[in-house]
Protein backbone atom coordinates (compact mmCIF):
# COMPACT_ATOMS: atom_id res chain seq x y z
CA MET A 1 9.40 -9.85 -21.82
CA GLY A 2 12.37 -7.61 -21.07
CA LEU A 3 11.54 -5.09 -18.37
CA LEU A 4 13.61 -2.47 -16.61
CA THR A 5 11.84 -0.95 -13.61
CA ASP A 6 12.45 0.30 -10.10
CA GLY A 7 9.78 -2.05 -8.87
CA ALA A 8 6.83 -4.13 -9.96
CA LEU A 9 3.92 -5.67 -8.10
CA MET A 10 2.17 -8.78 -9.44
CA SER A 11 -1.61 -8.85 -8.95
CA PRO A 12 -3.03 -11.62 -6.75
CA ASN A 13 -4.36 -13.49 -9.79
CA GLY A 14 -0.93 -13.30 -11.48
CA ARG A 15 -2.34 -11.69 -14.63
CA GLU A 16 -1.38 -8.03 -14.15
CA ILE A 17 1.78 -6.20 -13.14
CA LEU A 18 1.73 -2.74 -11.61
CA LEU A 19 4.63 -0.58 -12.79
CA TRP A 20 4.23 2.52 -10.65
CA ASP A 21 7.35 4.20 -12.04
CA GLU A 22 5.93 3.72 -15.56
CA GLU A 23 2.44 4.72 -14.37
CA LYS A 24 0.71 1.72 -15.89
CA VAL A 25 -0.60 -1.76 -15.28
CA ILE A 26 0.37 -4.32 -17.90
CA ASP A 27 -0.53 -7.93 -18.55
CA THR A 28 2.11 -10.66 -18.65
CA LYS A 29 2.61 -10.08 -22.41
CA GLY A 30 3.40 -6.38 -21.88
CA THR A 31 0.09 -4.97 -23.09
CA THR A 32 -1.01 -1.86 -21.18
CA LEU A 33 -4.29 -2.51 -19.35
CA TYR A 34 -4.52 0.66 -17.26
CA ASP A 35 -2.67 3.91 -17.83
CA ILE A 36 -2.48 5.78 -14.55
CA HIS A 37 -0.86 8.93 -16.00
CA ASP A 38 -4.22 10.59 -15.43
CA LEU A 39 -4.06 10.01 -11.67
CA GLN A 40 -4.05 13.46 -10.15
CA LEU A 41 -2.71 13.81 -6.63
CA ASP A 42 -4.16 16.48 -4.39
CA ASP A 43 -2.04 19.64 -4.70
CA SER A 44 -0.56 19.12 -1.23
CA PHE A 45 1.04 15.80 -2.29
CA HIS A 46 4.24 15.62 -4.35
CA TRP A 47 4.83 11.89 -4.81
CA ALA A 48 3.11 8.50 -4.61
CA LEU A 49 4.46 5.00 -4.04
CA ASP A 50 2.63 1.70 -4.49
CA MET A 51 2.38 -0.57 -1.47
CA ALA A 52 0.09 -3.52 -2.23
CA TRP A 53 -2.69 -4.92 -4.37
CA ILE A 54 -6.16 -5.14 -2.85
CA GLY A 55 -7.91 -7.78 -4.88
CA ASN A 56 -7.25 -7.53 -8.60
CA SER A 57 -8.75 -4.07 -9.15
CA CYS A 58 -7.31 -1.78 -6.47
CA VAL A 59 -3.89 -0.70 -5.25
CA LEU A 60 -2.95 0.66 -1.83
CA TYR A 61 -0.48 3.53 -2.14
CA GLU A 62 1.09 6.16 0.04
CA ALA A 63 1.42 9.80 -0.98
CA GLY A 64 3.74 12.36 0.57
CA LYS A 65 3.65 16.07 1.12
CA ASP A 66 7.44 16.47 1.28
CA SER A 67 9.19 17.09 -2.02
CA ASP A 68 11.68 14.21 -1.60
CA HIS A 69 10.03 10.79 -1.19
CA TYR A 70 13.32 9.25 -0.03
CA SER A 71 13.08 11.20 3.23
CA HIS A 72 9.45 10.24 3.94
CA SER A 73 10.23 7.77 6.70
CA TYR A 74 11.53 10.59 8.88
CA LEU A 75 8.63 13.01 8.48
CA LYS A 76 5.58 12.32 10.62
CA ASP A 77 2.21 13.67 9.48
CA GLN A 78 3.52 14.12 5.92
CA ILE A 79 2.21 10.82 4.51
CA SER A 80 -1.32 9.65 3.75
CA PHE A 81 -2.55 6.31 2.44
CA PHE A 82 -5.06 5.87 -0.38
CA VAL A 83 -6.72 3.11 -2.39
CA LEU A 84 -6.72 3.55 -6.16
CA ASP A 85 -9.57 1.84 -8.03
CA LEU A 86 -7.90 0.97 -11.34
CA LYS A 87 -11.18 0.72 -13.24
CA SER A 88 -12.23 4.29 -12.46
CA LEU A 89 -8.77 5.72 -11.55
CA LYS A 90 -10.46 7.18 -8.46
CA SER A 91 -8.52 7.42 -5.20
CA THR A 92 -10.18 7.13 -1.82
CA SER A 93 -8.58 7.39 1.62
CA ALA A 94 -7.45 4.07 3.07
CA SER A 95 -9.43 4.79 6.22
CA GLU A 96 -12.64 4.93 4.18
CA VAL A 97 -12.00 1.77 2.13
CA LEU A 98 -9.95 -0.36 4.53
CA GLY A 99 -10.87 1.07 7.91
CA LEU A 100 -7.21 1.79 8.76
CA SER A 101 -6.10 5.36 9.44
CA ASP A 102 -2.85 7.00 8.33
CA LYS A 103 -1.67 6.74 11.94
CA GLU A 104 -2.37 2.99 12.07
CA LEU A 105 -0.56 2.48 8.73
CA ASP A 106 2.45 4.58 9.79
CA GLY A 107 5.54 2.40 9.25
CA LEU A 108 3.74 0.04 6.84
CA VAL A 109 5.98 -2.77 5.57
CA SER A 110 3.36 -5.26 4.31
CA TYR A 111 -0.35 -5.25 3.54
CA ARG A 112 -2.68 -8.07 2.60
CA PHE A 113 -6.38 -7.33 2.99
CA PRO A 114 -7.52 -6.93 5.73
CA TYR A 115 -4.22 -7.05 7.69
CA ALA A 116 -1.24 -4.69 7.85
CA VAL A 117 2.22 -5.12 9.31
CA VAL A 118 3.90 -1.96 10.55
CA LYS A 119 7.39 -1.46 11.88
CA SER A 120 7.26 0.86 14.80
CA THR A 121 9.77 2.73 16.89
CA PRO A 122 9.17 3.63 20.53
CA ASP A 123 6.51 6.32 20.76
CA SER A 124 4.71 8.41 23.35
CA ALA A 125 1.77 5.98 23.35
CA GLY A 126 4.03 3.36 24.93
CA ARG A 127 4.23 1.16 21.84
CA GLY A 128 7.75 -0.27 21.79
CA PRO A 129 9.93 -0.99 18.78
CA GLY A 130 9.23 -3.97 16.54
CA TYR A 131 6.76 -5.34 14.01
CA PHE A 132 3.04 -5.24 14.75
CA LEU A 133 0.15 -6.94 12.96
CA ILE A 134 -2.80 -4.54 12.68
CA SER A 135 -6.05 -6.51 12.54
CA PRO A 136 -9.52 -5.31 11.57
CA GLY A 137 -10.78 -3.07 14.34
CA GLY A 138 -7.29 -1.69 14.99
CA LYS A 139 -6.00 -4.48 17.26
CA HIS A 140 -2.16 -4.45 17.48
CA THR A 141 -0.32 -7.75 17.96
CA LYS A 142 3.47 -7.69 18.39
CA LEU A 143 5.05 -10.17 15.97
CA MET A 144 8.66 -10.29 17.07
CA SER A 145 11.07 -8.60 19.38
CA ARG A 146 14.14 -8.72 17.15
CA ASP A 147 14.67 -6.65 14.04
CA ALA A 148 14.09 -8.51 10.77
CA ASN A 149 15.06 -7.60 7.22
CA MET A 150 11.62 -8.27 5.79
CA VAL A 151 8.15 -9.25 6.97
CA GLU A 152 5.37 -10.22 4.58
CA ILE A 153 1.80 -11.36 5.19
CA LEU A 154 0.91 -14.59 3.42
CA LEU A 155 -2.85 -15.16 3.45
CA ASP A 156 -5.47 -16.47 1.11
CA GLU A 157 -7.88 -13.69 0.23
CA THR A 158 -11.55 -14.51 -0.03
CA PRO A 159 -13.06 -12.33 -2.78
CA GLU A 160 -16.31 -11.89 -0.81
CA GLU A 161 -14.36 -10.15 1.96
CA LEU A 162 -12.74 -7.58 -0.34
CA PRO A 163 -14.20 -4.10 -0.69
CA THR A 164 -16.81 -4.19 -3.48
CA GLU A 165 -14.85 -1.90 -5.83
CA CYS A 166 -11.74 -4.09 -5.58
CA ARG A 167 -13.24 -7.48 -6.48
């Protein structure tokens, strides 16, 4: 299939492709499975960007309150994370579904249930720069001291561990 997109995410089972810029999920033949045009962001949010699949039925995304999503990495407290259930097109805060707050997900570069990798800069809490693995319960483990171009979590997901709505 010929496809022109700003980005696509393949589902864990390899059967669906999320095209956030097209606002749809398609199968590998190009058939639309879910049309997410009906997703309504809260009035305080101006944009949304997909981050990761959670199982084969949910997508983790970030939404921003600033009008220009390209500047979002510089604006603290302007971004929130949500989980979109594709079957119902209902969004729920990531803290409710995944147990990770917006603050814990700040700087997110990779997510694979139930772990997140964030890239952090020095902050007032004493957390130095670098990549940190956020484990269930909020434990932070520093991954590396040098800057890397990309970090991705490679884990096998056990369907029983996924949130019920995402299985």
